[in-house]
Structures are given as structure tokens and as C-alpha cells.
Amino acid sequence: MDHAYWGPRFSTAQVGDLLDARRSEIGASSCTIDLIQDEENLCGRVARLIADGKVIGWFQGRMEWGPRALGNRSILADPRRSDIKALLNAKIKRRESFRPFAPSILDHAVGEWFEEDDAVPFMMQVFQIRAAKRALIPAVAHVDGSGRLQTVSQQTNPRYYRLIERFYELTGVPMVLNTSFNENEPIVCNPEEALDCFLRTNMDVLVMEDYLIERRGVPTA
């Protein structure tokens, strides 16, 4: 078994039906809705938003089976930002400040950034980050210089891989910060749960299949 994407999935059409049914509520939260059916454009836009410091809810394909969010029910952010842990906890996670966040890294780049070089598709191992690289990714470096990484393969999750590739092209960093898509609750499973979590927190962007929902301003009362 080389991946954990065995849970339920929801089509772009199902997501569209949900967004249509709740369009007024989404608009009242000062959000826009875009349908981006070209995957290259979608991943490029999301990579730019991450590089600009936005916090992204990423809801794609089949849900992960097991204890880790592995790029299909994930919250993503820029690992280069030293303030991102506090930002995520203030906006969404509301958890203890000492609890670290994990990097999702392109599988071919592991040896360049970590002292060990191995496949870790299930985010179940901790490797030491190379000393020269730690200052570049403070948001995913533990206090002891380690990181609990997930290696991302083009074969098992091509869209997530492409997103990280686009971020790599923009920043020179072949990884994104990945934490579970939830707010002190079980990881979201269906589009309704993802949209609810997005609307009640201060997440900046929600990407569900081919739809991108972006918070543009201050929500109305």
C-alpha cells in the first residue's frame, strides 16, 4: 500500500450544487467563487496565494484513511514564515503553541532538505532537517531541528504534487506546510463540513475540487 486515499470522494458537480445552495451565505462572508477547470491554472493560482501568506483549505479527491491529513483534507500554508504557527492557531486551529506543523515535500527533494532520504508517504516518521536549511523553513522545523514529513509522489497524488511543484518554482522551496483540515474536531470529510469550517474560521481560501472560494474583505454583519 503506497497511499491512504481510500475514503469517500465528491465530484466538482456536487461541490457546485452545495455552493449554489449557500451562495447568499458565502457572499455575506465577503467571499468570491471561481470555477477553475484547468488544473495547471488552479495549482498555479493556489501556489501564489500560499506564497503571498494566505491560509488555504485544500479539499480534493478521496479522503485519507487513517490519522493523518495527507494532502486531500488539508490546511496549507507557507513553511518559510516564522509567524505562521501563531497565525494558524489564531485563525483556525486554536491549539497549544508547542505542537508543530508538518511539511509535505516533493519526494525527489527529501535528501536535499533532510539528513535522511526515504519515502514517508504517511507522515509517520521524523527526520532531521539539514542544518543549512532550517532557517529557510521555520514554520515546519521542531525545536530540535527535526520535521515530521510527508513525501508526496506524482503517481499517488498528482494534483497535490503539481501544487507543490508550482510553489517550488515560485519560492525555491519544494514543500508546503500541511496540517489537518479541522478546528478542534474530526478532520472534515464532505464538502458541507469543509465549507462550514471555512466560514466559521478566518481561513483565507477554500479550494474544493475545481472551485476556489476566496475571502476578499471584512465579512458583513
Protein backbone atom coordinates (compact mmCIF):
# COMPACT_ATOMS: atom_id res chain seq x y z
CA MET A 1 0.00 0.00 0.00
CA ASP A 2 1.66 3.24 -1.13
CA HIS A 3 -1.10 5.73 -0.31
CA ALA A 4 -4.01 6.23 2.09
CA TYR A 5 -6.60 7.79 -0.23
CA TRP A 6 -9.35 5.21 0.31
CA GLY A 7 -12.13 7.38 1.78
CA PRO A 8 -15.16 8.99 0.12
CA ARG A 9 -14.82 11.48 -2.71
CA PHE A 10 -17.14 14.18 -4.06
CA SER A 11 -17.35 15.49 -7.59
CA THR A 12 -16.96 19.06 -8.80
CA ALA A 13 -20.67 18.97 -9.67
CA GLN A 14 -21.58 18.05 -6.09
CA VAL A 15 -19.42 20.88 -4.78
CA GLY A 16 -21.08 23.25 -7.24
CA ASP A 17 -24.55 22.26 -6.04
CA LEU A 18 -23.54 22.99 -2.45
CA LEU A 19 -22.08 26.38 -3.35
CA ASP A 20 -25.19 27.31 -5.32
CA ALA A 21 -27.41 26.37 -2.37
CA ARG A 22 -25.36 28.50 0.01
CA ARG A 23 -24.34 31.30 -2.31
CA SER A 24 -26.01 34.04 -0.26
CA GLU A 25 -24.28 32.89 2.94
CA ILE A 26 -20.94 32.76 1.14
CA GLY A 27 -21.49 36.23 -0.29
CA ALA A 28 -22.38 37.59 3.15
CA SER A 29 -18.93 36.48 4.29
CA SER A 30 -17.39 38.64 1.53
CA CYS A 31 -16.24 35.60 -0.45
CA THR A 32 -15.98 35.12 -4.19
CA ILE A 33 -16.41 31.81 -6.03
CA ASP A 34 -14.36 30.87 -9.09
CA LEU A 35 -14.55 27.68 -11.13
CA ILE A 36 -11.07 26.87 -12.49
CA GLN A 37 -11.23 23.69 -14.55
CA ASP A 38 -7.67 23.90 -15.87
CA GLU A 39 -5.56 22.13 -13.25
CA GLU A 40 -2.38 23.99 -14.14
CA ASN A 41 -4.09 27.35 -13.64
CA LEU A 42 -5.70 26.20 -10.41
CA CYS A 43 -2.46 24.94 -8.89
CA GLY A 44 -0.55 27.99 -10.06
CA ARG A 45 -3.05 30.36 -8.50
CA VAL A 46 -3.15 28.48 -5.21
CA ALA A 47 0.66 28.30 -5.07
CA ARG A 48 0.81 32.07 -5.49
CA LEU A 49 -1.75 32.57 -2.73
CA ILE A 50 0.30 30.37 -0.38
CA ALA A 51 3.46 32.29 -1.26
CA ASP A 52 1.59 35.52 -0.51
CA GLY A 53 0.88 34.29 3.03
CA LYS A 54 -2.68 33.04 2.62
CA VAL A 55 -4.02 30.06 4.59
CA ILE A 56 -5.67 27.54 2.27
CA GLY A 57 -8.27 24.86 2.90
CA TRP A 58 -7.47 22.12 0.35
CA PHE A 59 -10.27 19.58 -0.26
CA GLN A 60 -9.55 17.16 -3.10
CA GLY A 61 -10.28 13.61 -4.22
CA ARG A 62 -10.69 10.71 -1.83
CA MET A 63 -10.34 11.38 1.87
CA GLU A 64 -7.32 9.95 3.64
CA TRP A 65 -7.92 6.74 5.64
CA GLY A 66 -6.12 6.99 8.96
CA PRO A 67 -4.85 9.58 11.44
CA ARG A 68 -3.10 11.99 9.05
CA ALA A 69 -4.23 14.61 6.54
CA LEU A 70 -2.05 13.85 3.52
CA GLY A 71 -3.00 16.49 1.00
CA ASN A 72 -6.66 15.75 0.31
CA ARG A 73 -8.25 17.14 3.51
CA SER A 74 -5.52 19.58 4.49
CA ILE A 75 -4.90 23.17 5.52
CA LEU A 76 -1.87 24.51 3.68
CA ALA A 77 0.43 27.46 4.33
CA ASP A 78 3.91 28.82 3.60
CA PRO A 79 6.64 26.97 5.55
CA ARG A 80 9.01 29.94 5.17
CA ARG A 81 7.03 32.19 7.51
CA SER A 82 8.22 32.25 11.10
CA ASP A 83 4.86 33.67 12.22
CA ILE A 84 2.67 31.06 10.54
CA LYS A 85 2.23 28.83 13.61
CA ALA A 86 0.76 31.71 15.60
CA LEU A 87 -1.29 32.79 12.59
CA LEU A 88 -2.78 29.33 12.08
CA ASN A 89 -3.60 28.96 15.75
CA ALA A 90 -5.21 32.40 15.82
CA LYS A 91 -7.17 31.89 12.60
CA ILE A 92 -8.20 28.24 12.83
CA LYS A 93 -6.52 25.56 14.90
CA ARG A 94 -6.64 27.13 18.40
CA ARG A 95 -4.26 24.51 19.76
CA GLU A 96 -1.20 24.52 22.01
CA SER A 97 1.61 26.67 20.65
CA PHE A 98 4.24 23.95 21.13
CA ARG A 99 2.52 21.49 18.79
CA PRO A 100 4.38 21.52 15.45
CA PHE A 101 3.11 21.55 11.89
CA ALA A 102 4.36 19.20 9.20
CA PRO A 103 5.98 19.66 5.78
CA SER A 104 4.66 17.96 2.64
CA ILE A 105 7.71 17.68 0.37
CA LEU A 106 8.23 16.51 -3.19
CA ASP A 107 9.65 13.01 -2.95
CA HIS A 108 12.70 13.73 -5.09
CA ALA A 109 13.79 16.63 -2.83
CA VAL A 110 13.96 14.83 0.52
CA GLY A 111 17.72 14.23 0.52
CA GLU A 112 18.45 17.87 -0.23
CA TRP A 113 16.45 19.14 2.76
CA PHE A 114 16.67 16.29 5.31
CA GLU A 115 19.60 14.27 6.66
CA GLU A 116 17.75 11.05 5.83
CA ASP A 117 16.41 10.21 2.37
CA ASP A 118 13.45 7.84 2.32
CA ALA A 119 9.79 7.63 1.32
CA VAL A 120 7.44 8.75 4.12
CA PRO A 121 4.02 8.79 2.41
CA PHE A 122 2.01 8.51 5.63
CA MET A 123 3.71 11.25 7.69
CA MET A 124 4.72 8.72 10.34
CA GLN A 125 8.47 9.43 10.64
CA VAL A 126 10.60 12.30 11.91
CA PHE A 127 13.82 13.25 10.08
CA GLN A 128 16.42 15.85 10.95
CA ILE A 129 16.27 18.90 8.70
CA ARG A 130 19.69 19.77 7.30
CA ALA A 131 21.25 22.50 9.43
CA ALA A 132 21.73 24.82 6.47
CA LYS A 133 18.04 24.57 5.58
CA ARG A 134 16.36 25.03 8.95
CA ALA A 135 16.24 28.80 8.87
CA LEU A 136 14.52 28.66 5.47
CA ILE A 137 11.50 26.70 6.75
CA PRO A 138 10.93 27.80 10.38
CA ALA A 139 7.22 27.00 10.28
CA VAL A 140 7.82 23.24 9.97
CA ALA A 141 11.05 22.87 11.99
CA HIS A 142 10.71 21.46 15.52
CA VAL A 143 12.81 22.97 18.31
CA ASP A 144 15.29 20.09 17.94
CA GLY A 145 15.74 20.74 14.21
CA SER A 146 13.58 17.85 13.08
CA GLY A 147 10.44 17.66 10.98
CA ARG A 148 7.64 15.10 10.71
CA LEU A 149 7.46 15.00 6.97
CA GLN A 150 5.17 13.60 4.30
CA THR A 151 6.73 12.73 0.97
CA VAL A 152 4.44 13.46 -1.98
CA SER A 153 4.58 11.31 -5.11
CA GLN A 154 3.35 12.31 -8.54
CA GLN A 155 1.99 8.79 -9.01
CA THR A 156 -0.21 8.69 -5.90
CA ASN A 157 -1.37 12.33 -5.66
CA PRO A 158 -0.70 14.16 -8.94
CA ARG A 159 -2.71 17.31 -8.15
CA TYR A 160 -1.08 17.86 -4.75
CA TYR A 161 2.31 17.16 -6.31
CA ARG A 162 1.63 19.73 -9.03
CA LEU A 163 0.61 22.34 -6.46
CA ILE A 164 3.87 21.87 -4.53
CA GLU A 165 5.82 21.97 -7.80
CA ARG A 166 4.28 25.36 -8.63
CA PHE A 167 5.15 26.61 -5.13
CA TYR A 168 8.71 25.33 -5.63
CA GLU A 169 9.00 27.25 -8.89
CA LEU A 170 7.88 30.45 -7.15
CA THR A 171 9.95 30.17 -3.98
CA GLY A 172 12.74 27.61 -4.38
CA VAL A 173 11.21 25.60 -1.52
CA PRO A 174 9.84 22.17 -2.58
CA MET A 175 7.33 21.82 0.24
CA VAL A 176 4.28 23.36 1.87
CA LEU A 177 3.11 23.36 5.45
CA ASN A 178 0.36 20.78 5.85
CA THR A 179 -1.99 20.37 8.79
CA SER A 180 -5.35 18.64 9.08
CA PHE A 181 -8.47 20.38 7.79
CA ASN A 182 -10.36 20.86 11.05
CA GLU A 183 -10.88 23.14 14.02
CA ASN A 184 -10.69 21.07 17.21
CA GLU A 185 -12.94 18.45 15.66
CA PRO A 186 -12.54 15.38 13.41
CA ILE A 187 -10.98 16.06 10.02
CA VAL A 188 -13.61 17.27 7.55
CA CYS A 189 -14.96 14.55 5.29
CA ASN A 190 -17.57 16.06 2.98
CA PRO A 191 -17.96 19.45 1.24
CA GLU A 192 -20.55 20.67 3.76
CA GLU A 193 -18.10 20.17 6.65
CA ALA A 194 -15.29 21.87 4.72
CA LEU A 195 -17.44 24.89 3.88
CA ASP A 196 -18.71 25.16 7.47
CA CYS A 197 -15.15 25.10 8.82
CA PHE A 198 -14.04 27.71 6.30
CA LEU A 199 -16.91 30.09 7.04
CA ARG A 200 -16.65 29.96 10.84
CA THR A 201 -12.87 30.45 10.93
CA ASN A 202 -10.59 33.08 9.41
CA MET A 203 -9.23 30.81 6.69
CA ASP A 204 -8.41 32.89 3.62
CA VAL A 205 -9.18 30.48 0.78
CA LEU A 206 -11.07 27.23 0.30
CA VAL A 207 -10.32 25.03 -2.71
CA MET A 208 -12.81 22.20 -3.24
CA GLU A 209 -12.12 20.18 -6.37
CA ASP A 210 -12.14 22.82 -9.16
CA TYR A 211 -13.80 25.58 -7.12
CA LEU A 212 -11.81 28.33 -5.40
CA ILE A 213 -13.60 30.35 -2.74
CA GLU A 214 -11.64 33.38 -1.55
CA ARG A 215 -12.36 35.74 1.31
CA ARG A 216 -12.00 39.20 -0.16
CA GLY A 217 -12.78 41.57 2.69
CA VAL A 218 -14.37 42.07 6.07
CA PRO A 219 -17.46 39.85 6.48
CA THR A 220 -20.77 41.67 6.73
CA ALA A 221 -22.74 41.58 9.97
